[in-house]
N, C-alpha and C. Protein backbone atom coordinates (compact mmCIF):
# COMPACT_ATOMS: atom_id res chain seq x y z
N MET A 1 7.49 -23.46 -5.46
CA MET A 1 8.19 -22.20 -5.53
C MET A 1 8.30 -21.65 -4.11
N SER A 2 9.49 -21.35 -3.67
CA SER A 2 9.69 -20.80 -2.33
C SER A 2 9.40 -19.31 -2.31
N ARG A 3 9.37 -18.72 -1.12
CA ARG A 3 9.13 -17.28 -1.02
C ARG A 3 10.25 -16.49 -1.68
N ALA A 4 11.48 -16.95 -1.54
CA ALA A 4 12.60 -16.25 -2.18
C ALA A 4 12.48 -16.31 -3.69
N GLN A 5 12.07 -17.45 -4.22
CA GLN A 5 11.88 -17.56 -5.66
C GLN A 5 10.73 -16.69 -6.12
N ALA A 6 9.66 -16.62 -5.34
CA ALA A 6 8.52 -15.78 -5.69
C ALA A 6 8.92 -14.31 -5.69
N ARG A 7 9.71 -13.88 -4.69
CA ARG A 7 10.17 -12.49 -4.65
C ARG A 7 11.09 -12.20 -5.83
N ASP A 8 11.96 -13.14 -6.15
CA ASP A 8 12.86 -12.96 -7.29
C ASP A 8 12.06 -12.88 -8.58
N PHE A 9 11.06 -13.74 -8.73
CA PHE A 9 10.21 -13.74 -9.92
C PHE A 9 9.46 -12.42 -10.05
N SER A 10 8.87 -11.98 -8.93
CA SER A 10 8.08 -10.75 -8.99
C SER A 10 8.95 -9.52 -9.20
N SER A 11 10.15 -9.51 -8.62
CA SER A 11 11.01 -8.34 -8.79
C SER A 11 11.55 -8.25 -10.21
N ARG A 12 11.62 -9.36 -10.91
CA ARG A 12 12.06 -9.31 -12.30
C ARG A 12 10.95 -8.90 -13.24
N ARG A 13 9.71 -9.26 -12.93
CA ARG A 13 8.60 -9.03 -13.85
C ARG A 13 7.80 -7.77 -13.56
N PHE A 14 7.59 -7.44 -12.28
CA PHE A 14 6.67 -6.36 -11.96
C PHE A 14 7.12 -4.97 -12.35
N PRO A 15 8.42 -4.63 -12.33
CA PRO A 15 8.76 -3.27 -12.76
C PRO A 15 8.46 -2.99 -14.23
N PHE A 16 8.29 -4.02 -15.03
CA PHE A 16 8.05 -3.83 -16.46
C PHE A 16 6.82 -4.59 -16.92
N PRO A 17 5.63 -4.32 -16.34
CA PRO A 17 4.45 -5.10 -16.75
C PRO A 17 3.93 -4.74 -18.13
N ASN A 18 4.33 -3.59 -18.67
CA ASN A 18 3.81 -3.17 -19.97
C ASN A 18 4.81 -3.39 -21.10
N ALA A 19 5.68 -4.34 -20.94
CA ALA A 19 6.64 -4.65 -21.99
C ALA A 19 5.88 -5.07 -23.25
N PRO A 20 6.43 -4.80 -24.43
CA PRO A 20 5.69 -5.06 -25.68
C PRO A 20 5.27 -6.51 -25.89
N LYS A 21 6.01 -7.45 -25.36
CA LYS A 21 5.70 -8.86 -25.62
C LYS A 21 4.73 -9.46 -24.59
N LEU A 22 4.36 -8.69 -23.56
CA LEU A 22 3.48 -9.21 -22.52
C LEU A 22 2.05 -8.74 -22.74
N PRO A 23 1.06 -9.59 -22.43
CA PRO A 23 -0.33 -9.15 -22.55
C PRO A 23 -0.67 -8.14 -21.46
N ALA A 24 -1.79 -7.47 -21.59
CA ALA A 24 -2.18 -6.44 -20.63
C ALA A 24 -2.46 -7.03 -19.25
N ILE A 25 -2.82 -8.29 -19.18
CA ILE A 25 -3.11 -8.90 -17.88
C ILE A 25 -1.89 -9.59 -17.29
N ALA A 26 -0.70 -9.29 -17.81
CA ALA A 26 0.52 -9.94 -17.33
C ALA A 26 0.75 -9.79 -15.83
N PRO A 27 0.52 -8.62 -15.23
CA PRO A 27 0.72 -8.54 -13.77
C PRO A 27 -0.22 -9.48 -13.00
N PHE A 28 -1.47 -9.62 -13.46
CA PHE A 28 -2.39 -10.52 -12.79
C PHE A 28 -2.00 -11.98 -13.01
N LEU A 29 -1.47 -12.30 -14.18
CA LEU A 29 -0.97 -13.65 -14.42
C LEU A 29 0.22 -13.95 -13.52
N ASP A 30 1.09 -12.96 -13.33
CA ASP A 30 2.25 -13.14 -12.45
C ASP A 30 1.82 -13.39 -11.01
N ILE A 31 0.88 -12.60 -10.53
CA ILE A 31 0.39 -12.78 -9.16
C ILE A 31 -0.30 -14.14 -9.03
N GLY A 32 -1.09 -14.54 -10.03
CA GLY A 32 -1.74 -15.84 -10.01
C GLY A 32 -0.74 -16.98 -10.03
N THR A 33 0.35 -16.80 -10.76
CA THR A 33 1.40 -17.82 -10.80
C THR A 33 2.03 -17.99 -9.43
N ILE A 34 2.29 -16.89 -8.75
CA ILE A 34 2.85 -16.96 -7.40
C ILE A 34 1.82 -17.57 -6.46
N PHE A 35 0.55 -17.21 -6.62
CA PHE A 35 -0.51 -17.73 -5.76
C PHE A 35 -0.63 -19.25 -5.88
N TYR A 36 -0.52 -19.77 -7.10
CA TYR A 36 -0.65 -21.22 -7.32
C TYR A 36 0.67 -21.97 -7.25
N PHE A 37 1.77 -21.29 -6.92
CA PHE A 37 3.10 -21.90 -6.80
C PHE A 37 3.52 -22.63 -8.08
N ASP A 38 3.23 -22.03 -9.23
CA ASP A 38 3.64 -22.60 -10.51
C ASP A 38 4.84 -21.84 -11.05
N ASP A 39 5.56 -22.49 -11.96
CA ASP A 39 6.68 -21.82 -12.60
C ASP A 39 6.23 -20.97 -13.79
N MET A 40 5.10 -21.35 -14.39
CA MET A 40 4.61 -20.61 -15.54
C MET A 40 3.09 -20.63 -15.53
N ALA A 41 2.49 -19.50 -15.89
CA ALA A 41 1.03 -19.41 -15.88
C ALA A 41 0.44 -20.23 -17.03
N GLN A 42 -0.71 -20.80 -16.76
CA GLN A 42 -1.46 -21.49 -17.81
C GLN A 42 -2.40 -20.45 -18.41
N LEU A 43 -2.07 -19.98 -19.61
CA LEU A 43 -2.77 -18.84 -20.19
C LEU A 43 -4.24 -19.10 -20.48
N MET A 44 -4.60 -20.32 -20.74
CA MET A 44 -6.00 -20.61 -21.07
C MET A 44 -6.84 -20.87 -19.82
N ASN A 45 -6.22 -20.85 -18.66
CA ASN A 45 -6.93 -21.09 -17.41
C ASN A 45 -7.35 -19.74 -16.82
N PRO A 46 -8.67 -19.45 -16.74
CA PRO A 46 -9.10 -18.15 -16.25
C PRO A 46 -8.90 -17.94 -14.76
N SER A 47 -8.51 -18.99 -14.05
CA SER A 47 -8.34 -18.82 -12.60
C SER A 47 -7.06 -18.04 -12.27
N TYR A 48 -6.08 -18.01 -13.15
CA TYR A 48 -4.83 -17.29 -12.87
C TYR A 48 -5.04 -15.77 -12.82
N PRO A 49 -5.63 -15.15 -13.84
CA PRO A 49 -5.86 -13.71 -13.71
C PRO A 49 -6.87 -13.37 -12.62
N LEU A 50 -7.84 -14.25 -12.40
CA LEU A 50 -8.81 -13.99 -11.34
C LEU A 50 -8.14 -14.04 -9.96
N ALA A 51 -7.28 -15.03 -9.75
CA ALA A 51 -6.54 -15.09 -8.48
C ALA A 51 -5.63 -13.88 -8.33
N GLY A 52 -5.02 -13.45 -9.42
CA GLY A 52 -4.18 -12.25 -9.38
C GLY A 52 -4.97 -11.01 -9.05
N LEU A 53 -6.16 -10.88 -9.64
CA LEU A 53 -7.00 -9.72 -9.38
C LEU A 53 -7.48 -9.69 -7.93
N ILE A 54 -7.93 -10.83 -7.43
CA ILE A 54 -8.41 -10.90 -6.04
C ILE A 54 -7.26 -10.66 -5.06
N THR A 55 -6.10 -11.24 -5.32
CA THR A 55 -4.94 -11.01 -4.45
C THR A 55 -4.51 -9.56 -4.49
N HIS A 56 -4.50 -8.95 -5.66
CA HIS A 56 -4.12 -7.54 -5.79
C HIS A 56 -5.08 -6.65 -5.00
N PHE A 57 -6.38 -6.86 -5.16
CA PHE A 57 -7.36 -6.06 -4.43
C PHE A 57 -7.26 -6.29 -2.93
N SER A 58 -7.06 -7.54 -2.52
CA SER A 58 -6.95 -7.84 -1.09
C SER A 58 -5.74 -7.16 -0.48
N LEU A 59 -4.61 -7.24 -1.15
CA LEU A 59 -3.41 -6.58 -0.63
C LEU A 59 -3.57 -5.06 -0.62
N SER A 60 -4.23 -4.51 -1.62
CA SER A 60 -4.48 -3.07 -1.64
C SER A 60 -5.35 -2.64 -0.46
N ILE A 61 -6.36 -3.43 -0.15
CA ILE A 61 -7.22 -3.13 0.99
C ILE A 61 -6.44 -3.22 2.29
N VAL A 62 -5.63 -4.26 2.44
CA VAL A 62 -4.83 -4.42 3.66
C VAL A 62 -3.85 -3.27 3.83
N PHE A 63 -3.15 -2.91 2.75
CA PHE A 63 -2.20 -1.80 2.85
C PHE A 63 -2.91 -0.49 3.13
N GLY A 64 -4.08 -0.28 2.55
CA GLY A 64 -4.85 0.93 2.83
C GLY A 64 -5.31 0.99 4.28
N LEU A 65 -5.73 -0.16 4.83
CA LEU A 65 -6.13 -0.20 6.24
C LEU A 65 -4.95 0.04 7.17
N ILE A 66 -3.80 -0.54 6.84
CA ILE A 66 -2.60 -0.30 7.65
C ILE A 66 -2.24 1.17 7.61
N PHE A 67 -2.31 1.77 6.44
CA PHE A 67 -2.01 3.20 6.32
C PHE A 67 -3.00 4.02 7.15
N ALA A 68 -4.27 3.67 7.08
CA ALA A 68 -5.29 4.43 7.81
C ALA A 68 -5.13 4.29 9.31
N VAL A 69 -4.75 3.13 9.78
CA VAL A 69 -4.64 2.90 11.22
C VAL A 69 -3.33 3.43 11.78
N VAL A 70 -2.22 3.27 11.04
CA VAL A 70 -0.91 3.62 11.58
C VAL A 70 -0.51 5.05 11.23
N VAL A 71 -0.62 5.45 9.99
CA VAL A 71 -0.04 6.70 9.55
C VAL A 71 -0.97 7.89 9.74
N VAL A 72 -2.26 7.73 9.46
CA VAL A 72 -3.18 8.87 9.51
C VAL A 72 -3.24 9.52 10.89
N PRO A 73 -3.30 8.77 11.99
CA PRO A 73 -3.32 9.45 13.29
C PRO A 73 -2.03 10.22 13.61
N LEU A 74 -0.92 9.83 12.99
CA LEU A 74 0.36 10.49 13.27
C LEU A 74 0.52 11.80 12.51
N LEU A 75 -0.16 11.94 11.40
CA LEU A 75 0.00 13.12 10.55
C LEU A 75 -1.23 14.01 10.66
N SER A 76 -1.02 15.25 11.03
CA SER A 76 -2.16 16.13 11.30
C SER A 76 -2.55 16.99 10.10
N SER A 77 -1.60 17.38 9.26
CA SER A 77 -1.94 18.25 8.15
C SER A 77 -2.12 17.46 6.85
N ALA A 78 -2.82 18.06 5.92
CA ALA A 78 -3.08 17.40 4.63
C ALA A 78 -1.77 17.23 3.85
N ARG A 79 -0.86 18.18 3.96
CA ARG A 79 0.41 18.08 3.24
C ARG A 79 1.24 16.89 3.75
N LEU A 80 1.33 16.75 5.07
CA LEU A 80 2.07 15.60 5.63
C LEU A 80 1.39 14.28 5.28
N LEU A 81 0.06 14.28 5.26
CA LEU A 81 -0.67 13.07 4.90
C LEU A 81 -0.41 12.68 3.44
N LEU A 82 -0.35 13.66 2.55
CA LEU A 82 -0.04 13.40 1.15
C LEU A 82 1.37 12.84 1.01
N ILE A 83 2.33 13.44 1.70
CA ILE A 83 3.71 12.95 1.64
C ILE A 83 3.79 11.53 2.21
N GLY A 84 3.09 11.29 3.32
CA GLY A 84 3.07 9.95 3.90
C GLY A 84 2.44 8.92 2.98
N GLY A 85 1.37 9.32 2.28
CA GLY A 85 0.71 8.41 1.34
C GLY A 85 1.60 8.05 0.16
N VAL A 86 2.31 9.04 -0.36
CA VAL A 86 3.23 8.78 -1.47
C VAL A 86 4.37 7.87 -1.01
N ALA A 87 4.90 8.14 0.19
CA ALA A 87 5.98 7.29 0.71
C ALA A 87 5.49 5.88 0.97
N PHE A 88 4.33 5.73 1.58
CA PHE A 88 3.79 4.41 1.89
C PHE A 88 3.44 3.64 0.62
N GLY A 89 2.93 4.33 -0.39
CA GLY A 89 2.61 3.68 -1.66
C GLY A 89 3.84 3.34 -2.47
N GLY A 90 4.92 4.08 -2.29
CA GLY A 90 6.14 3.84 -3.04
C GLY A 90 7.03 2.76 -2.46
N LEU A 91 6.77 2.35 -1.21
CA LEU A 91 7.61 1.34 -0.59
C LEU A 91 7.67 0.02 -1.36
N PRO A 92 6.55 -0.55 -1.81
CA PRO A 92 6.64 -1.81 -2.57
C PRO A 92 7.44 -1.66 -3.87
N PHE A 93 7.30 -0.51 -4.53
CA PHE A 93 8.05 -0.29 -5.77
C PHE A 93 9.55 -0.24 -5.49
N PHE A 94 9.95 0.51 -4.48
CA PHE A 94 11.37 0.62 -4.17
C PHE A 94 11.93 -0.70 -3.64
N TRP A 95 11.08 -1.47 -2.93
CA TRP A 95 11.54 -2.76 -2.43
C TRP A 95 11.86 -3.69 -3.60
N THR A 96 10.98 -3.74 -4.61
CA THR A 96 11.25 -4.61 -5.75
C THR A 96 12.42 -4.09 -6.57
N THR A 97 12.55 -2.77 -6.68
CA THR A 97 13.65 -2.19 -7.45
C THR A 97 14.98 -2.48 -6.77
N MET A 98 15.04 -2.31 -5.45
CA MET A 98 16.29 -2.54 -4.73
C MET A 98 16.65 -4.02 -4.71
N SER A 99 15.66 -4.90 -4.56
CA SER A 99 15.98 -6.33 -4.57
C SER A 99 16.42 -6.77 -5.95
N ARG A 100 15.96 -6.08 -6.96
CA ARG A 100 16.39 -6.39 -8.33
C ARG A 100 17.80 -5.93 -8.57
N SER A 101 18.16 -4.73 -8.08
CA SER A 101 19.50 -4.18 -8.34
C SER A 101 20.54 -4.82 -7.43
N ALA A 102 20.12 -5.53 -6.38
CA ALA A 102 21.09 -6.16 -5.48
C ALA A 102 21.73 -7.39 -6.11
N ARG A 103 21.13 -7.90 -7.19
CA ARG A 103 21.69 -9.10 -7.84
C ARG A 103 22.76 -8.75 -8.81
């Protein structure tokens, strides 16, 4: 699976992780599928949700550190920091939404 295919896969699945036909761990299965470069998750294999969970936490830590190093020194008030946090946290959502609507 190439990076473009992984982005296409994630942009189709991630905006709707709570769809009625998907299990509660569907987002972690999706991340694990991208991590292992598979076309479909092996549901009985516990390494897929575990890889998804570890990847999700790792990316959250990296994004939090980037926010702390880059944005926090630039914003002096609590109000600006809150607005910056919402904008920085919303970027991945809008990126997947826009890449989805571009098709």
